[in-house]
Amino acid sequence: DLVISSNSLDLLINNASDNNILSPGLYDYNNRETVQSLGCSINKYLLTTCNIKKHNQNIDFLSGASLFFNKKIINKIGLFSEKYFMYYEDVEWCTRAIKKDIKLEIVKDCFVYHRSKISLSIELKFISLINRLKYSIDHYFYLFPLVLIGVVLSNFKIFFNKSFHGKYN
């Protein structure tokens, strides 16, 4: 579900080091001017995530859709945790990287065009909410009560929309 611009690999290789994880800018496959992600941020209270749309903002994690790094990074922080399977695995992995002083960077003039799903099924939304709780327990246990309240309210919103609007949003 990715198309890589012609010069991307050269740019990633030229910017790689033993102490950084890189990502090209992620753009919409069908509308190549539309930014999907130039890194991502995490809400410091509820641990929700958001794609960054402008360069030079603080990056908390990089989307797992496209990552480039030296093998030495895996030796420092390990592989993605199988505990997360889908959603928050990139968040958790990048959190471990930051804790080891590894830099997260978007390479300018490096582009990937990504086909993304417009909406998620209720099952995938539920998996994401559960993984946010797991992430809280693993890295920010003191936030767990607040994150749990946010997850419960999110579930009510999902089911409320389905009950009254016939769709899961």
Protein backbone atom coordinates (compact mmCIF):
# COMPACT_ATOMS: atom_id res chain seq x y z
CA ASP A 1 0.00 0.00 0.00
CA LEU A 2 3.02 2.31 -0.50
CA VAL A 3 4.68 3.96 -3.46
CA ILE A 4 8.11 5.41 -2.79
CA SER A 5 9.48 8.47 -4.61
CA SER A 6 12.46 7.78 -6.85
CA ASN A 7 15.13 9.43 -4.69
CA SER A 8 13.85 8.28 -1.29
CA LEU A 9 16.23 5.41 -0.67
CA ASP A 10 19.28 7.58 -1.42
CA LEU A 11 18.02 10.30 0.93
CA LEU A 12 17.32 7.81 3.71
CA ILE A 13 20.74 6.17 3.36
CA ASN A 14 22.50 9.57 3.37
CA ASN A 15 20.67 10.67 6.54
CA ALA A 16 20.90 7.42 8.49
CA SER A 17 23.13 6.98 11.52
CA ASP A 18 23.56 4.53 14.38
CA ASN A 19 21.43 6.82 16.53
CA ASN A 20 18.34 7.76 14.49
CA ILE A 21 15.17 6.30 13.08
CA LEU A 22 14.03 7.95 9.88
CA SER A 23 10.80 8.21 7.99
CA PRO A 24 9.89 9.86 4.72
CA GLY A 25 6.92 12.18 4.73
CA LEU A 26 3.74 10.18 4.26
CA TYR A 27 1.38 11.57 1.65
CA ASP A 28 -1.98 10.39 0.37
CA TYR A 29 -1.70 7.94 -2.51
CA ASN A 30 -4.70 9.37 -4.39
CA ASN A 31 -4.03 13.05 -3.67
CA ARG A 32 -0.26 13.42 -3.56
CA GLU A 33 -0.36 16.97 -2.21
CA THR A 34 -2.20 15.86 0.94
CA VAL A 35 0.04 15.20 3.94
CA GLN A 36 -0.87 12.14 6.00
CA SER A 37 2.01 12.34 8.46
CA LEU A 38 5.26 14.19 9.08
CA GLY A 39 5.72 12.38 12.36
CA CYS A 40 3.21 11.90 15.12
CA SER A 41 2.44 13.31 18.55
CA ILE A 42 1.01 11.79 21.72
CA ASN A 43 -1.40 13.59 24.03
CA LYS A 44 0.52 13.65 27.32
CA TYR A 45 -2.58 13.02 29.46
CA LEU A 46 -4.81 10.61 27.52
CA LEU A 47 -2.09 9.01 25.34
CA THR A 48 -4.14 9.51 22.19
CA THR A 49 -2.16 9.94 18.99
CA CYS A 50 -2.24 12.48 16.19
CA ASN A 51 -0.43 12.85 12.87
CA ILE A 52 1.71 15.96 12.47
CA LYS A 53 1.06 17.84 9.23
CA LYS A 54 3.90 20.43 9.29
CA HIS A 55 7.68 20.03 9.40
CA ASN A 56 9.77 21.00 12.43
CA GLN A 57 7.30 20.04 15.13
CA ASN A 58 8.16 17.85 18.11
CA ILE A 59 7.90 14.19 17.06
CA ASP A 60 6.83 11.66 19.71
CA PHE A 61 6.78 8.69 17.33
CA LEU A 62 7.00 7.82 13.65
CA SER A 63 4.27 5.99 11.79
CA GLY A 64 5.07 2.33 11.30
CA ALA A 65 3.96 2.67 7.66
CA SER A 66 7.51 3.59 6.62
CA LEU A 67 10.59 3.41 8.84
CA PHE A 68 14.30 3.32 7.99
CA PHE A 69 17.05 2.59 10.50
CA ASN A 70 20.39 0.91 11.01
CA LYS A 71 20.36 -2.65 12.36
CA LYS A 72 22.20 -1.34 15.44
CA ILE A 73 18.92 0.32 16.49
CA ILE A 74 17.33 -3.13 16.93
CA ASN A 75 20.32 -4.19 19.03
CA LYS A 76 19.69 -1.14 21.27
CA ILE A 77 15.90 -1.31 21.68
CA GLY A 78 14.73 -4.65 20.30
CA LEU A 79 11.97 -5.47 17.84
CA PHE A 80 8.37 -4.30 17.84
CA SER A 81 6.51 -5.88 20.75
CA GLU A 82 4.17 -8.68 19.70
CA LYS A 83 1.96 -7.67 22.62
CA TYR A 84 0.48 -4.87 20.50
CA PHE A 85 0.03 -6.71 17.16
CA MET A 86 -1.79 -3.81 15.48
CA TYR A 87 -1.97 -0.19 16.63
CA TYR A 88 0.39 1.37 19.15
CA GLU A 89 3.23 -1.01 18.22
CA ASP A 90 5.03 1.88 16.49
CA VAL A 91 4.22 4.23 19.39
CA GLU A 92 5.62 1.80 21.95
CA TRP A 93 8.75 1.02 19.88
CA CYS A 94 9.54 4.69 19.33
CA THR A 95 9.01 5.38 23.04
CA ARG A 96 11.68 2.79 23.83
CA ALA A 97 13.93 4.45 21.23
CA ILE A 98 13.50 7.91 22.77
CA LYS A 99 14.29 6.49 26.22
CA LYS A 100 17.62 5.30 24.72
CA ASP A 101 18.29 8.79 23.27
CA ILE A 102 17.64 7.70 19.69
CA LYS A 103 16.41 10.55 17.49
CA LEU A 104 13.22 10.33 15.43
CA GLU A 105 13.43 12.29 12.19
CA ILE A 106 11.42 13.00 9.06
CA VAL A 107 13.66 13.31 6.00
CA LYS A 108 12.67 16.36 3.97
CA ASP A 109 12.29 15.92 0.23
CA CYS A 110 11.70 12.22 0.83
CA PHE A 111 8.16 11.06 0.06
CA VAL A 112 6.05 7.94 0.37
CA TYR A 113 2.54 7.80 -1.02
CA HIS A 114 0.34 5.69 1.25
CA ARG A 115 -3.08 4.16 0.73
CA SER A 116 -4.82 4.44 4.05
CA LYS A 117 -8.15 3.18 5.25
CA ILE A 118 -10.69 5.95 5.63
CA SER A 119 -12.57 4.24 8.43
CA LEU A 120 -11.81 1.41 10.81
CA SER A 121 -14.09 -1.42 11.78
CA ILE A 122 -15.36 -1.50 15.35
CA GLU A 123 -13.02 -4.43 16.03
CA LEU A 124 -9.95 -2.45 14.95
CA LYS A 125 -11.07 0.57 16.98
CA PHE A 126 -11.45 -1.68 20.01
CA ILE A 127 -7.96 -3.17 19.47
CA SER A 128 -6.53 0.35 19.30
CA LEU A 129 -8.23 1.33 22.58
CA ILE A 130 -6.99 -1.82 24.34
CA ASN A 131 -3.47 -1.21 23.05
CA ARG A 132 -3.59 2.35 24.37
CA LEU A 133 -4.30 0.86 27.81
CA LYS A 134 -1.40 -1.59 27.41
CA TYR A 135 0.88 1.27 26.38
CA SER A 136 -0.17 3.23 29.47
CA ILE A 137 0.61 0.29 31.72
CA ASP A 138 3.98 -0.32 30.04
CA HIS A 139 5.25 3.27 29.95
CA TYR A 140 3.01 5.66 31.92
CA PHE A 141 1.32 3.64 34.64
CA TYR A 142 0.54 6.78 36.65
CA LEU A 143 -1.75 7.87 33.77
CA PHE A 144 -3.65 4.58 33.65
CA PRO A 145 -6.79 5.80 35.52
CA LEU A 146 -7.11 8.83 33.22
CA VAL A 147 -6.46 6.76 30.09
CA LEU A 148 -9.00 4.17 31.25
CA ILE A 149 -11.66 6.87 31.61
CA GLY A 150 -10.80 8.12 28.11
CA VAL A 151 -11.07 4.59 26.69
CA VAL A 152 -14.44 3.99 28.36
CA LEU A 153 -15.78 7.30 27.04
CA SER A 154 -14.45 6.46 23.55
CA ASN A 155 -16.33 3.16 23.64
CA PHE A 156 -19.55 4.95 24.57
CA LYS A 157 -19.01 7.32 21.64
CA ILE A 158 -18.44 4.41 19.22
CA PHE A 159 -21.57 2.58 20.34
CA PHE A 160 -23.64 5.79 20.54
CA ASN A 161 -22.80 6.62 16.92
CA LYS A 162 -23.70 3.10 15.82
CA SER A 163 -26.99 3.13 17.72
CA PHE A 164 -28.20 6.54 16.54
CA HIS A 165 -26.39 7.08 13.24
CA GLY A 166 -25.93 3.53 11.97
CA LYS A 167 -22.14 3.86 11.68
CA TYR A 168 -19.03 3.51 13.79
CA ASN A 169 -17.11 6.82 13.92
